[in-house]
C-alpha atoms as a PDB file:
ATOM      1  CA  MET A   1      76.164 106.622 111.920  1.00  0.00           C
ATOM      2  CA  GLY A   2      74.908 103.632 110.056  1.00  0.00           C
ATOM      3  CA  ALA A   3      76.352 100.168 109.352  1.00  0.00           C
ATOM      4  CA  ASN A   4      79.576  98.778 110.885  1.00  0.00           C
ATOM      5  CA  PRO A   5      82.578  99.292 108.504  1.00  0.00           C
ATOM      6  CA  VAL A   6      84.161  96.440 106.770  1.00  0.00           C
ATOM      7  CA  PHE A   7      87.992  96.208 106.938  1.00  0.00           C
ATOM      8  CA  THR A   8      89.914  94.232 104.387  1.00  0.00           C
ATOM      9  CA  VAL A   9      93.387  93.332 103.397  1.00  0.00           C
ATOM     10  CA  LEU A  10      94.513  94.628  99.931  1.00  0.00           C
ATOM     11  CA  THR A  11      96.032  92.283  97.311  1.00  0.00           C
ATOM     12  CA  HIS A  12      99.464  93.079  96.058  1.00  0.00           C
ATOM     13  CA  ALA A  13      97.905  94.277  92.893  1.00  0.00           C
ATOM     14  CA  GLU A  14      95.630  96.680  94.888  1.00  0.00           C
ATOM     15  CA  CYS A  15      98.594  98.025  96.768  1.00  0.00           C
ATOM     16  CA  GLU A  16     100.461  98.561  93.659  1.00  0.00           C
ATOM     17  CA  THR A  17      97.464 100.528  92.045  1.00  0.00           C
ATOM     18  CA  LEU A  18      97.220 102.786  95.232  1.00  0.00           C
ATOM     19  CA  LEU A  19     101.146 103.363  95.137  1.00  0.00           C
ATOM     20  CA  ALA A  20     100.943 104.246  91.474  1.00  0.00           C
ATOM     21  CA  SER A  21      97.938 106.531  91.940  1.00  0.00           C
ATOM     22  CA  GLN A  22      99.301 108.764  94.601  1.00  0.00           C
ATOM     23  CA  HIS A  23     102.427 110.963  94.693  1.00  0.00           C
ATOM     24  CA  VAL A  24     102.700 112.128  98.299  1.00  0.00           C
ATOM     25  CA  GLY A  25     103.533 109.559 100.987  1.00  0.00           C
ATOM     26  CA  ARG A  26     105.312 109.642 104.337  1.00  0.00           C
ATOM     27  CA  MET A  27     108.723 108.034 105.073  1.00  0.00           C
ATOM     28  CA  ALA A  28     109.408 106.783 108.651  1.00  0.00           C
ATOM     29  CA  PHE A  29     112.891 106.218 109.849  1.00  0.00           C
ATOM     30  CA  THR A  30     114.721 106.036 113.110  1.00  0.00           C
ATOM     31  CA  PHE A  31     117.964 107.005 114.680  1.00  0.00           C
ATOM     32  CA  ARG A  32     119.065 106.139 118.157  1.00  0.00           C
ATOM     33  CA  ASP A  33     116.111 106.633 120.297  1.00  0.00           C
ATOM     34  CA  ARG A  34     114.122 108.899 117.891  1.00  0.00           C
ATOM     35  CA  VAL A  35     111.467 107.973 115.231  1.00  0.00           C
ATOM     36  CA  ASN A  36     110.985 110.516 112.497  1.00  0.00           C
ATOM     37  CA  ILE A  37     108.331 110.770 109.887  1.00  0.00           C
ATOM     38  CA  GLU A  38     108.341 112.973 106.984  1.00  0.00           C
ATOM     39  CA  PRO A  39     106.153 113.761 103.824  1.00  0.00           C
ATOM     40  CA  ILE A  40     107.879 112.732 100.562  1.00  0.00           C
ATOM     41  CA  HIS A  41     106.869 113.401  96.929  1.00  0.00           C
ATOM     42  CA  TYR A  42     107.487 110.107  95.083  1.00  0.00           C
ATOM     43  CA  VAL A  43     106.868 108.114  91.829  1.00  0.00           C
ATOM     44  CA  TYR A  44     105.973 104.424  92.012  1.00  0.00           C
ATOM     45  CA  ARG A  45     107.499 102.480  89.008  1.00  0.00           C
ATOM     46  CA  ASP A  46     108.694  98.977  88.310  1.00  0.00           C
ATOM     47  CA  GLY A  47     108.405  97.826  91.894  1.00  0.00           C
ATOM     48  CA  TRP A  48     110.390 100.941  93.203  1.00  0.00           C
ATOM     49  CA  ILE A  49     109.494 103.968  95.030  1.00  0.00           C
ATOM     50  CA  TRP A  50     111.570 106.767  93.571  1.00  0.00           C
ATOM     51  CA  GLY A  51     111.941 110.212  95.261  1.00  0.00           C
ATOM     52  CA  ARG A  52     114.303 112.996  95.725  1.00  0.00           C
ATOM     53  CA  THR A  53     115.773 114.873  98.633  1.00  0.00           C
ATOM     54  CA  GLN A  54     118.670 117.170  99.683  1.00  0.00           C
ATOM     55  CA  TYR A  55     121.664 116.551 101.791  1.00  0.00           C
ATOM     56  CA  GLY A  56     120.841 116.966 105.477  1.00  0.00           C
ATOM     57  CA  THR A  57     119.947 115.340 108.901  1.00  0.00           C
ATOM     58  CA  LYS A  58     117.598 113.001 107.345  1.00  0.00           C
ATOM     59  CA  VAL A  59     120.219 111.705 104.906  1.00  0.00           C
ATOM     60  CA  GLU A  60     122.897 111.295 107.577  1.00  0.00           C
ATOM     61  CA  MET A  61     120.416 109.354 109.687  1.00  0.00           C
ATOM     62  CA  LEU A  62     119.443 107.097 106.660  1.00  0.00           C
ATOM     63  CA  ALA A  63     123.334 106.543 106.130  1.00  0.00           C
ATOM     64  CA  HIS A  64     123.405 104.848 109.499  1.00  0.00           C
ATOM     65  CA  HIS A  65     119.985 103.268 109.511  1.00  0.00           C
ATOM     66  CA  PRO A  66     118.806 102.787 106.089  1.00  0.00           C
ATOM     67  CA  TRP A  67     115.529 100.618 106.980  1.00  0.00           C
ATOM     68  CA  VAL A  68     112.480 102.650 106.481  1.00  0.00           C
ATOM     69  CA  ALA A  69     108.607 102.315 106.383  1.00  0.00           C
ATOM     70  CA  PHE A  70     106.937 104.203 103.636  1.00  0.00           C
ATOM     71  CA  GLU A  71     103.220 104.797 103.835  1.00  0.00           C
ATOM     72  CA  VAL A  72     100.503 106.094 101.539  1.00  0.00           C
ATOM     73  CA  ASP A  73      96.872 106.607 101.896  1.00  0.00           C
ATOM     74  CA  ARG A  74      93.825 107.474  99.926  1.00  0.00           C
ATOM     75  CA  VAL A  75      90.984 108.697 102.108  1.00  0.00           C
ATOM     76  CA  ASP A  76      87.492 109.339 100.905  1.00  0.00           C
ATOM     77  CA  ALA A  77      85.569 109.246 104.006  1.00  0.00           C
ATOM     78  CA  LEU A  78      85.735 108.262 107.689  1.00  0.00           C
ATOM     79  CA  PHE A  79      85.212 104.494 106.759  1.00  0.00           C
ATOM     80  CA  THR A  80      86.159 104.731 103.117  1.00  0.00           C
ATOM     81  CA  TRP A  81      89.892 104.532 102.634  1.00  0.00           C
ATOM     82  CA  GLN A  82      92.869 102.492 101.671  1.00  0.00           C
ATOM     83  CA  SER A  83      96.400 102.379 103.070  1.00  0.00           C
ATOM     84  CA  VAL A  84      99.605 100.832 101.931  1.00  0.00           C
ATOM     85  CA  VAL A  85     103.082 100.393 103.829  1.00  0.00           C
ATOM     86  CA  VAL A  86     106.177  99.324 102.378  1.00  0.00           C
ATOM     87  CA  HIS A  87     109.181  98.140 104.306  1.00  0.00           C
ATOM     88  CA  GLY A  88     112.583  98.278 102.950  1.00  0.00           C
ATOM     89  CA  ARG A  89     116.056  99.710 102.647  1.00  0.00           C
ATOM     90  CA  VAL A  90     116.380 103.204 101.125  1.00  0.00           C
ATOM     91  CA  GLU A  91     119.370 103.531  98.697  1.00  0.00           C
ATOM     92  CA  PHE A  92     121.007 106.686  97.328  1.00  0.00           C
ATOM     93  CA  PRO A  93     122.458 106.044  93.851  1.00  0.00           C
ATOM     94  CA  ASP A  94     125.482 107.993  93.306  1.00  0.00           C
ATOM     95  CA  PRO A  95     125.333 109.944  89.938  1.00  0.00           C
ATOM     96  CA  ASP A  96     129.155 109.901  89.831  1.00  0.00           C
ATOM     97  CA  GLY A  97     129.498 106.266  91.192  1.00  0.00           C
ATOM     98  CA  SER A  98     129.446 102.894  89.451  1.00  0.00           C
ATOM     99  CA  MET A  99     127.924 102.261  86.299  1.00  0.00           C
ATOM    100  CA  GLN A 100     125.073 100.653  88.036  1.00  0.00           C
ATOM    101  CA  ASP A 101     124.536 103.580  90.386  1.00  0.00           C
ATOM    102  CA  GLN A 102     124.689 106.093  87.359  1.00  0.00           C
ATOM    103  CA  GLU A 103     121.942 104.018  85.691  1.00  0.00           C
ATOM    104  CA  ARG A 104     119.834 103.889  88.777  1.00  0.00           C
ATOM    105  CA  PHE A 105     120.215 107.582  89.274  1.00  0.00           C
ATOM    106  CA  ALA A 106     119.264 108.186  85.597  1.00  0.00           C
ATOM    107  CA  ARG A 107     116.161 105.857  86.097  1.00  0.00           C
ATOM    108  CA  GLY A 108     115.092 107.979  89.229  1.00  0.00           C
ATOM    109  CA  VAL A 109     115.605 111.165  87.389  1.00  0.00           C
ATOM    110  CA  GLU A 110     113.566 109.893  84.458  1.00  0.00           C
ATOM    111  CA  ALA A 111     110.857 108.542  86.965  1.00  0.00           C
ATOM    112  CA  PHE A 112     110.610 111.775  88.813  1.00  0.00           C
ATOM    113  CA  ARG A 113     110.246 113.902  85.730  1.00  0.00           C
ATOM    114  CA  THR A 114     106.843 112.184  85.124  1.00  0.00           C
ATOM    115  CA  LEU A 115     105.742 113.999  88.177  1.00  0.00           C
ATOM    116  CA  VAL A 116     107.814 117.273  87.842  1.00  0.00           C
ATOM    117  CA  PRO A 117     109.074 117.549  84.227  1.00  0.00           C
ATOM    118  CA  GLU A 118     111.636 120.208  85.121  1.00  0.00           C
ATOM    119  CA  ALA A 119     113.120 118.096  87.892  1.00  0.00           C
ATOM    120  CA  PHE A 120     117.013 118.121  87.919  1.00  0.00           C
ATOM    121  CA  ALA A 121     117.078 120.652  84.998  1.00  0.00           C
ATOM    122  CA  VAL A 122     116.814 124.462  84.358  1.00  0.00           C
ATOM    123  CA  GLY A 123     113.519 125.675  85.924  1.00  0.00           C
ATOM    124  CA  ASP A 124     113.456 122.937  88.717  1.00  0.00           C
ATOM    125  CA  PRO A 125     111.133 124.214  91.436  1.00  0.00           C
ATOM    126  CA  THR A 126     113.251 122.433  94.038  1.00  0.00           C
ATOM    127  CA  PRO A 127     117.000 122.582  92.805  1.00  0.00           C
ATOM    128  CA  SER A 128     118.496 121.962  96.224  1.00  0.00           C
ATOM    129  CA  ARG A 129     116.844 118.374  96.049  1.00  0.00           C
ATOM    130  CA  GLU A 130     119.735 116.840  94.065  1.00  0.00           C
ATOM    131  CA  LEU A 131     119.613 113.329  95.689  1.00  0.00           C
ATOM    132  CA  VAL A 132     117.502 110.604  94.242  1.00  0.00           C
ATOM    133  CA  PHE A 133     116.458 108.027  96.641  1.00  0.00           C
ATOM    134  CA  MET A 134     114.757 104.480  95.817  1.00  0.00           C
ATOM    135  CA  ILE A 135     112.990 101.929  98.122  1.00  0.00           C
ATOM    136  CA  PRO A 136     112.149  98.632  96.773  1.00  0.00           C
ATOM    137  CA  ALA A 137     108.490  97.644  97.203  1.00  0.00           C
ATOM    138  CA  ALA A 138     109.187  94.089  98.096  1.00  0.00           C
ATOM    139  CA  GLU A 139     107.726  94.073 101.427  1.00  0.00           C
ATOM    140  CA  ILE A 140     104.252  95.379 100.841  1.00  0.00           C
ATOM    141  CA  GLU A 141     101.000  95.306 102.756  1.00  0.00           C
ATOM    142  CA  GLY A 142      97.732  97.197 102.600  1.00  0.00           C
ATOM    143  CA  ARG A 143      94.474  97.528 104.287  1.00  0.00           C
ATOM    144  CA  ALA A 144      91.149  99.034 103.428  1.00  0.00           C
ATOM    145  CA  ALA A 145      87.671 100.237 104.925  1.00  0.00           C
ATOM    146  CA  ARG A 146      84.470 100.412 103.529  1.00  0.00           C
ATOM    147  CA  PRO A 147      80.984 101.017 104.781  1.00  0.00           C
ATOM    148  CA  GLY A 148      79.176  97.650 105.740  1.00  0.00           C
ATOM    149  CA  PRO A 149      75.829  96.567 104.222  1.00  0.00           C
ATOM    150  CA  GLY A 150      72.736  97.920 105.659  1.00  0.00           C
END
């Protein structure tokens, strides 16, 4: 198989670069005695993970237990990969709520439209996903592997 892999801790800047370069991650959350993890489309911008979802069980669970782990990877080979985990409190800004909520909702829509230009408009490929969510990337950590020398 060759040389032993080398594992490293990513810097904060490397974590942000990985978050910005990907658009599918996984959000893990708990409710009572159950842990769930779901794939999520997202955009990383200005220290926030922005995404969208629809009303349902996940949103109901997150209303009671808003603490999540969000994870994203880039895997090039068995021992050539990077992984970032963000821990934080998911928020759902209300488009009809306070001025701050309206501004945050608009920022989320703008961010998500960099990924899907039709999002929240005519021609939206997932019109039922009418909720914006945001996770602050304040608590962030990353690891990487690469082939060792030799």
